């Protein structure tokens, strides 16, 4: 085999290996970013806020037992926003009741609310 042909063949083989290595590193980086985002979403700061019940709506689910036990409660928080939380009907909430809501601030920027 001639020297220049051997060099071109070696170069083509190394380029092919480099392509596979780059694809592998790209896949690993994508997996790492996905896990990093999930880790950020698990970091939560909780803050208790007060609010007033403005509306109560039925809970619509596939399960008939959950419908009988729960309801959607619309709450106007003292600092402004209107949020929806789930509550058991057994709590006996009525429109106009003052309640405490826990505001969950996730590190990704997502904000969720639960009834205290």
N, C-alpha and C. Protein backbone atom coordinates (compact mmCIF):
# COMPACT_ATOMS: atom_id res chain seq x y z
N UNK A 1 0.85 -1.17 0.00
CA UNK A 1 0.00 0.00 0.00
C UNK A 1 0.89 1.24 0.00
N UNK A 2 0.50 2.20 -0.77
CA UNK A 2 1.28 3.43 -0.85
C UNK A 2 1.10 4.24 0.42
N UNK A 3 2.10 5.04 0.68
CA UNK A 3 2.11 5.82 1.92
C UNK A 3 0.98 6.84 1.96
N UNK A 4 0.72 7.55 0.88
CA UNK A 4 -0.34 8.56 0.88
C UNK A 4 -1.72 7.92 0.99
N UNK A 5 -1.91 6.75 0.41
CA UNK A 5 -3.20 6.04 0.52
C UNK A 5 -3.41 5.59 1.96
N UNK A 6 -2.36 5.09 2.60
CA UNK A 6 -2.46 4.64 4.00
C UNK A 6 -2.80 5.82 4.91
N UNK A 7 -2.17 6.98 4.66
CA UNK A 7 -2.45 8.17 5.48
C UNK A 7 -3.90 8.61 5.31
N UNK A 8 -4.43 8.62 4.10
CA UNK A 8 -5.83 9.01 3.86
C UNK A 8 -6.79 8.01 4.53
N UNK A 9 -6.45 6.73 4.47
CA UNK A 9 -7.28 5.71 5.10
C UNK A 9 -7.27 5.87 6.63
N UNK A 10 -6.10 6.10 7.19
CA UNK A 10 -6.00 6.33 8.65
C UNK A 10 -6.80 7.58 9.05
N UNK A 11 -6.68 8.61 8.25
CA UNK A 11 -7.42 9.85 8.56
C UNK A 11 -8.92 9.61 8.50
N UNK A 12 -9.40 8.89 7.52
CA UNK A 12 -10.84 8.60 7.39
C UNK A 12 -11.32 7.76 8.59
N UNK A 13 -10.52 6.81 9.02
CA UNK A 13 -10.88 5.98 10.18
C UNK A 13 -10.97 6.84 11.43
N UNK A 14 -10.00 7.74 11.66
CA UNK A 14 -10.03 8.60 12.84
C UNK A 14 -11.19 9.58 12.80
N UNK A 15 -11.54 10.09 11.63
CA UNK A 15 -12.69 10.98 11.50
C UNK A 15 -13.98 10.25 11.86
N UNK A 16 -14.10 9.02 11.42
CA UNK A 16 -15.29 8.22 11.75
C UNK A 16 -15.37 7.97 13.25
N UNK A 17 -14.25 7.65 13.87
CA UNK A 17 -14.23 7.45 15.33
C UNK A 17 -14.57 8.75 16.06
N UNK A 18 -14.08 9.87 15.56
CA UNK A 18 -14.37 11.16 16.19
C UNK A 18 -15.86 11.49 16.09
N UNK A 19 -16.49 11.14 14.96
CA UNK A 19 -17.94 11.36 14.81
C UNK A 19 -18.71 10.58 15.86
N UNK A 20 -18.37 9.30 16.03
CA UNK A 20 -19.06 8.47 17.03
C UNK A 20 -18.83 9.00 18.44
N UNK A 21 -17.61 9.44 18.72
CA UNK A 21 -17.31 9.99 20.05
C UNK A 21 -18.11 11.27 20.28
N UNK A 22 -18.23 12.13 19.29
CA UNK A 22 -18.98 13.37 19.43
C UNK A 22 -20.47 13.09 19.64
N UNK A 23 -21.00 12.12 18.92
CA UNK A 23 -22.41 11.75 19.11
C UNK A 23 -22.63 11.22 20.52
N UNK A 24 -21.72 10.38 20.98
CA UNK A 24 -21.82 9.83 22.35
C UNK A 24 -21.75 10.93 23.40
N UNK A 25 -20.85 11.86 23.24
CA UNK A 25 -20.73 12.96 24.20
C UNK A 25 -21.96 13.86 24.16
N UNK A 26 -22.52 14.06 22.97
CA UNK A 26 -23.75 14.85 22.86
C UNK A 26 -24.91 14.20 23.59
N UNK A 27 -25.05 12.89 23.45
CA UNK A 27 -26.11 12.16 24.14
C UNK A 27 -25.91 12.25 25.65
N UNK A 28 -24.69 12.06 26.11
CA UNK A 28 -24.39 12.16 27.54
C UNK A 28 -24.68 13.57 28.07
N UNK A 29 -24.35 14.59 27.30
CA UNK A 29 -24.63 15.96 27.72
C UNK A 29 -26.13 16.21 27.82
N UNK A 30 -26.90 15.69 26.87
CA UNK A 30 -28.36 15.86 26.92
C UNK A 30 -28.95 15.17 28.14
N UNK A 31 -28.48 13.98 28.45
CA UNK A 31 -28.95 13.26 29.64
C UNK A 31 -28.58 14.03 30.90
N UNK A 32 -27.36 14.55 30.94
CA UNK A 32 -26.92 15.34 32.09
C UNK A 32 -27.76 16.60 32.28
N UNK A 33 -28.09 17.28 31.20
CA UNK A 33 -28.94 18.48 31.29
C UNK A 33 -30.33 18.13 31.79
N UNK A 34 -30.88 17.01 31.34
CA UNK A 34 -32.21 16.60 31.80
C UNK A 34 -32.20 16.32 33.30
N UNK A 35 -31.18 15.61 33.78
CA UNK A 35 -31.08 15.34 35.20
C UNK A 35 -30.85 16.63 36.00
N UNK A 36 -30.06 17.53 35.46
CA UNK A 36 -29.84 18.82 36.13
C UNK A 36 -31.11 19.62 36.26
N UNK A 37 -31.94 19.63 35.23
CA UNK A 37 -33.22 20.35 35.28
C UNK A 37 -34.15 19.72 36.30
N UNK A 38 -34.18 18.39 36.35
CA UNK A 38 -35.02 17.71 37.34
C UNK A 38 -34.54 18.02 38.75
N UNK A 39 -33.25 18.09 38.94
CA UNK A 39 -32.70 18.41 40.26
C UNK A 39 -33.10 19.83 40.67
N UNK A 40 -33.08 20.77 39.72
CA UNK A 40 -33.51 22.13 40.02
C UNK A 40 -34.98 22.17 40.44
N UNK A 41 -35.81 21.36 39.78
CA UNK A 41 -37.23 21.36 40.08
C UNK A 41 -37.51 20.78 41.46
N UNK A 42 -36.59 19.98 41.99
CA UNK A 42 -36.78 19.38 43.31
C UNK A 42 -36.39 20.34 44.44
N UNK A 43 -35.65 21.40 44.14
CA UNK A 43 -35.29 22.39 45.16
C UNK A 43 -36.47 23.35 45.32
N UNK A 44 -37.09 23.31 46.48
CA UNK A 44 -38.32 24.07 46.69
C UNK A 44 -38.20 24.92 47.95
N UNK A 45 -38.61 26.19 47.85
CA UNK A 45 -38.73 27.07 49.01
C UNK A 45 -40.22 27.26 49.28
N UNK A 46 -40.64 26.95 50.50
CA UNK A 46 -42.05 27.07 50.86
C UNK A 46 -42.30 28.36 51.63
N UNK A 47 -43.43 28.99 51.33
CA UNK A 47 -43.80 30.23 52.00
C UNK A 47 -45.31 30.19 52.26
N UNK A 48 -45.69 30.43 53.49
CA UNK A 48 -47.11 30.44 53.83
C UNK A 48 -47.70 31.81 53.54
N UNK A 49 -48.83 31.82 52.85
CA UNK A 49 -49.52 33.06 52.51
C UNK A 49 -51.00 32.92 52.86
N UNK A 50 -51.61 34.04 53.15
CA UNK A 50 -53.03 34.04 53.48
C UNK A 50 -53.84 34.37 52.24
N UNK A 51 -55.09 33.93 52.25
CA UNK A 51 -55.95 34.21 51.13
C UNK A 51 -57.41 34.07 51.52
N UNK A 52 -58.28 34.37 50.56
CA UNK A 52 -59.71 34.33 50.79
C UNK A 52 -60.36 33.49 49.69
N UNK A 53 -61.23 32.56 50.07
CA UNK A 53 -61.91 31.70 49.11
C UNK A 53 -62.88 32.54 48.28
N UNK A 54 -62.72 32.51 46.96
CA UNK A 54 -63.61 33.28 46.08
C UNK A 54 -64.60 32.39 45.33
N UNK A 55 -64.26 31.11 45.15
CA UNK A 55 -65.15 30.21 44.43
C UNK A 55 -64.81 28.78 44.79
N UNK A 56 -65.80 27.91 44.71
CA UNK A 56 -65.60 26.48 44.92
C UNK A 56 -66.23 25.76 43.75
N UNK A 57 -65.44 24.87 43.11
CA UNK A 57 -65.91 24.14 41.94
C UNK A 57 -65.75 22.65 42.18
N UNK A 58 -66.55 21.84 41.50
CA UNK A 58 -66.42 20.39 41.68
C UNK A 58 -65.11 19.88 41.07
N UNK A 59 -64.61 18.82 41.65
CA UNK A 59 -63.38 18.20 41.16
C UNK A 59 -63.77 17.19 40.08
N UNK A 60 -63.25 17.36 38.87
CA UNK A 60 -63.57 16.47 37.77
C UNK A 60 -62.40 15.52 37.57
N UNK A 61 -62.65 14.22 37.79
CA UNK A 61 -61.61 13.21 37.63
C UNK A 61 -62.20 11.98 36.96
N UNK A 62 -61.35 11.03 36.65
CA UNK A 62 -61.81 9.76 36.08
C UNK A 62 -62.41 8.88 37.16
N UNK A 63 -61.92 9.01 38.37
CA UNK A 63 -62.37 8.18 39.47
C UNK A 63 -63.61 8.81 40.13
N UNK A 64 -64.65 8.03 40.32
CA UNK A 64 -65.86 8.56 40.93
C UNK A 64 -65.69 8.80 42.43
N UNK A 65 -64.77 8.08 43.09
CA UNK A 65 -64.57 8.28 44.53
C UNK A 65 -63.88 9.61 44.80
N UNK A 66 -62.96 10.01 43.93
CA UNK A 66 -62.27 11.29 44.12
C UNK A 66 -63.25 12.45 43.95
N UNK A 67 -64.20 12.32 43.03
CA UNK A 67 -65.20 13.37 42.84
C UNK A 67 -65.99 13.59 44.10
N UNK A 68 -66.31 12.51 44.77
CA UNK A 68 -67.14 12.61 45.97
C UNK A 68 -66.37 13.22 47.13
N UNK A 69 -65.06 13.11 47.14
CA UNK A 69 -64.27 13.54 48.29
C UNK A 69 -63.61 14.91 48.13
N UNK A 70 -63.38 15.37 46.90
CA UNK A 70 -62.60 16.59 46.71
C UNK A 70 -63.33 17.67 45.96
N UNK A 71 -62.72 18.88 46.01
CA UNK A 71 -63.26 20.02 45.27
C UNK A 71 -62.12 20.98 44.94
N UNK A 72 -62.31 21.75 43.89
CA UNK A 72 -61.36 22.80 43.51
C UNK A 72 -61.74 24.07 44.25
N UNK A 73 -60.78 24.66 44.92
CA UNK A 73 -61.03 25.90 45.66
C UNK A 73 -60.22 27.01 45.00
N UNK A 74 -60.90 28.06 44.57
CA UNK A 74 -60.26 29.22 43.96
C UNK A 74 -60.00 30.22 45.09
N UNK A 75 -58.73 30.63 45.25
CA UNK A 75 -58.33 31.48 46.36
C UNK A 75 -57.69 32.76 45.83
N UNK A 76 -58.14 33.90 46.34
CA UNK A 76 -57.51 35.19 46.04
C UNK A 76 -56.49 35.43 47.15
N UNK A 77 -55.20 35.36 46.80
CA UNK A 77 -54.15 35.57 47.80
C UNK A 77 -54.08 37.03 48.18
N UNK A 78 -53.60 37.28 49.41
CA UNK A 78 -53.51 38.66 49.90
C UNK A 78 -52.57 39.52 49.06
N UNK A 79 -51.55 38.92 48.47
CA UNK A 79 -50.61 39.70 47.65
C UNK A 79 -51.01 39.72 46.17
N UNK A 80 -52.23 39.30 45.84
CA UNK A 80 -52.73 39.53 44.50
C UNK A 80 -53.23 38.38 43.65
N UNK A 81 -52.41 37.36 43.38
CA UNK A 81 -52.83 36.38 42.39
C UNK A 81 -54.01 35.51 42.82
N UNK A 82 -54.71 35.01 41.83
CA UNK A 82 -55.82 34.09 42.02
C UNK A 82 -55.29 32.70 41.72
N UNK A 83 -55.37 31.77 42.70
CA UNK A 83 -54.82 30.43 42.52
C UNK A 83 -55.89 29.38 42.77
N UNK A 84 -55.64 28.19 42.25
CA UNK A 84 -56.54 27.05 42.42
C UNK A 84 -55.83 26.00 43.27
N UNK A 85 -56.48 25.54 44.33
CA UNK A 85 -55.94 24.47 45.17
C UNK A 85 -57.01 23.40 45.33
N UNK A 86 -56.58 22.20 45.70
CA UNK A 86 -57.50 21.10 45.93
C UNK A 86 -57.75 20.96 47.42
N UNK A 87 -58.99 20.62 47.79
CA UNK A 87 -59.33 20.44 49.20
C UNK A 87 -60.35 19.32 49.33
N UNK A 88 -60.37 18.68 50.49
CA UNK A 88 -61.41 17.71 50.80
C UNK A 88 -62.70 18.45 51.12
N UNK A 89 -63.82 17.88 50.69
CA UNK A 89 -65.11 18.47 51.01
C UNK A 89 -65.35 18.46 52.52
N UNK A 90 -64.75 17.52 53.22
CA UNK A 90 -64.94 17.40 54.66
C UNK A 90 -64.41 18.62 55.43
N UNK A 91 -63.58 19.46 54.79
CA UNK A 91 -63.08 20.67 55.45
C UNK A 91 -64.19 21.70 55.61
N UNK A 92 -65.23 21.59 54.82
CA UNK A 92 -66.37 22.50 54.93
C UNK A 92 -66.05 23.94 54.57
N UNK A 93 -65.24 24.15 53.55
CA UNK A 93 -64.89 25.51 53.13
C UNK A 93 -66.08 26.18 52.46
N UNK A 94 -66.23 27.48 52.71
CA UNK A 94 -67.30 28.27 52.09
C UNK A 94 -66.69 29.51 51.45
N UNK A 95 -67.39 30.08 50.50
CA UNK A 95 -66.92 31.30 49.85
C UNK A 95 -66.82 32.41 50.89
N UNK A 96 -65.67 33.09 50.90
CA UNK A 96 -65.44 34.17 51.85
C UNK A 96 -64.56 33.75 53.03
N UNK A 97 -64.31 32.44 53.22
CA UNK A 97 -63.46 31.97 54.32
C UNK A 97 -62.02 32.43 54.12
N UNK A 98 -61.37 32.80 55.21
CA UNK A 98 -59.93 33.11 55.20
C UNK A 98 -59.18 31.80 55.42
N UNK A 99 -58.22 31.49 54.55
CA UNK A 99 -57.46 30.25 54.68
C UNK A 99 -55.97 30.53 54.46
N UNK A 100 -55.16 29.56 54.86
CA UNK A 100 -53.71 29.62 54.66
C UNK A 100 -53.35 28.70 53.49
N UNK A 101 -52.51 29.20 52.61
CA UNK A 101 -52.04 28.46 51.45
C UNK A 101 -50.51 28.43 51.50
N UNK A 102 -49.92 27.31 51.12
CA UNK A 102 -48.46 27.21 51.04
C UNK A 102 -48.05 27.41 49.59
N UNK A 103 -47.17 28.38 49.37
CA UNK A 103 -46.67 28.72 48.04
C UNK A 103 -45.31 28.04 47.88
N UNK A 104 -45.18 27.17 46.89
CA UNK A 104 -43.94 26.43 46.65
C UNK A 104 -43.21 27.08 45.47
N UNK A 105 -42.04 27.67 45.73
CA UNK A 105 -41.21 28.27 44.67
C UNK A 105 -40.11 27.28 44.31
N UNK A 106 -40.19 26.71 43.11
CA UNK A 106 -39.19 25.76 42.63
C UNK A 106 -38.03 26.53 42.02
N UNK A 107 -36.84 25.93 42.04
CA UNK A 107 -35.64 26.60 41.51
C UNK A 107 -35.74 26.84 40.01
N UNK A 108 -36.62 26.14 39.31
CA UNK A 108 -36.79 26.33 37.87
C UNK A 108 -37.67 27.54 37.58
N UNK A 109 -38.28 28.13 38.61
CA UNK A 109 -39.15 29.29 38.40
C UNK A 109 -40.62 28.95 38.50
N UNK A 110 -40.93 27.67 38.54
CA UNK A 110 -42.33 27.23 38.64
C UNK A 110 -42.84 27.49 40.05
N UNK A 111 -44.09 27.94 40.16
CA UNK A 111 -44.72 28.22 41.45
C UNK A 111 -45.99 27.39 41.54
N UNK A 112 -46.11 26.58 42.61
CA UNK A 112 -47.31 25.80 42.84
C UNK A 112 -47.89 26.15 44.20
N UNK A 113 -49.15 25.80 44.42
CA UNK A 113 -49.82 26.14 45.67
C UNK A 113 -50.56 24.92 46.21
N UNK A 114 -50.54 24.78 47.55
CA UNK A 114 -51.30 23.72 48.21
C UNK A 114 -51.99 24.32 49.42
N UNK A 115 -53.08 23.70 49.80
CA UNK A 115 -53.83 24.14 50.95
C UNK A 115 -53.12 23.66 52.21
N UNK A 116 -53.01 24.54 53.20
CA UNK A 116 -52.33 24.15 54.44
C UNK A 116 -53.26 23.35 55.32
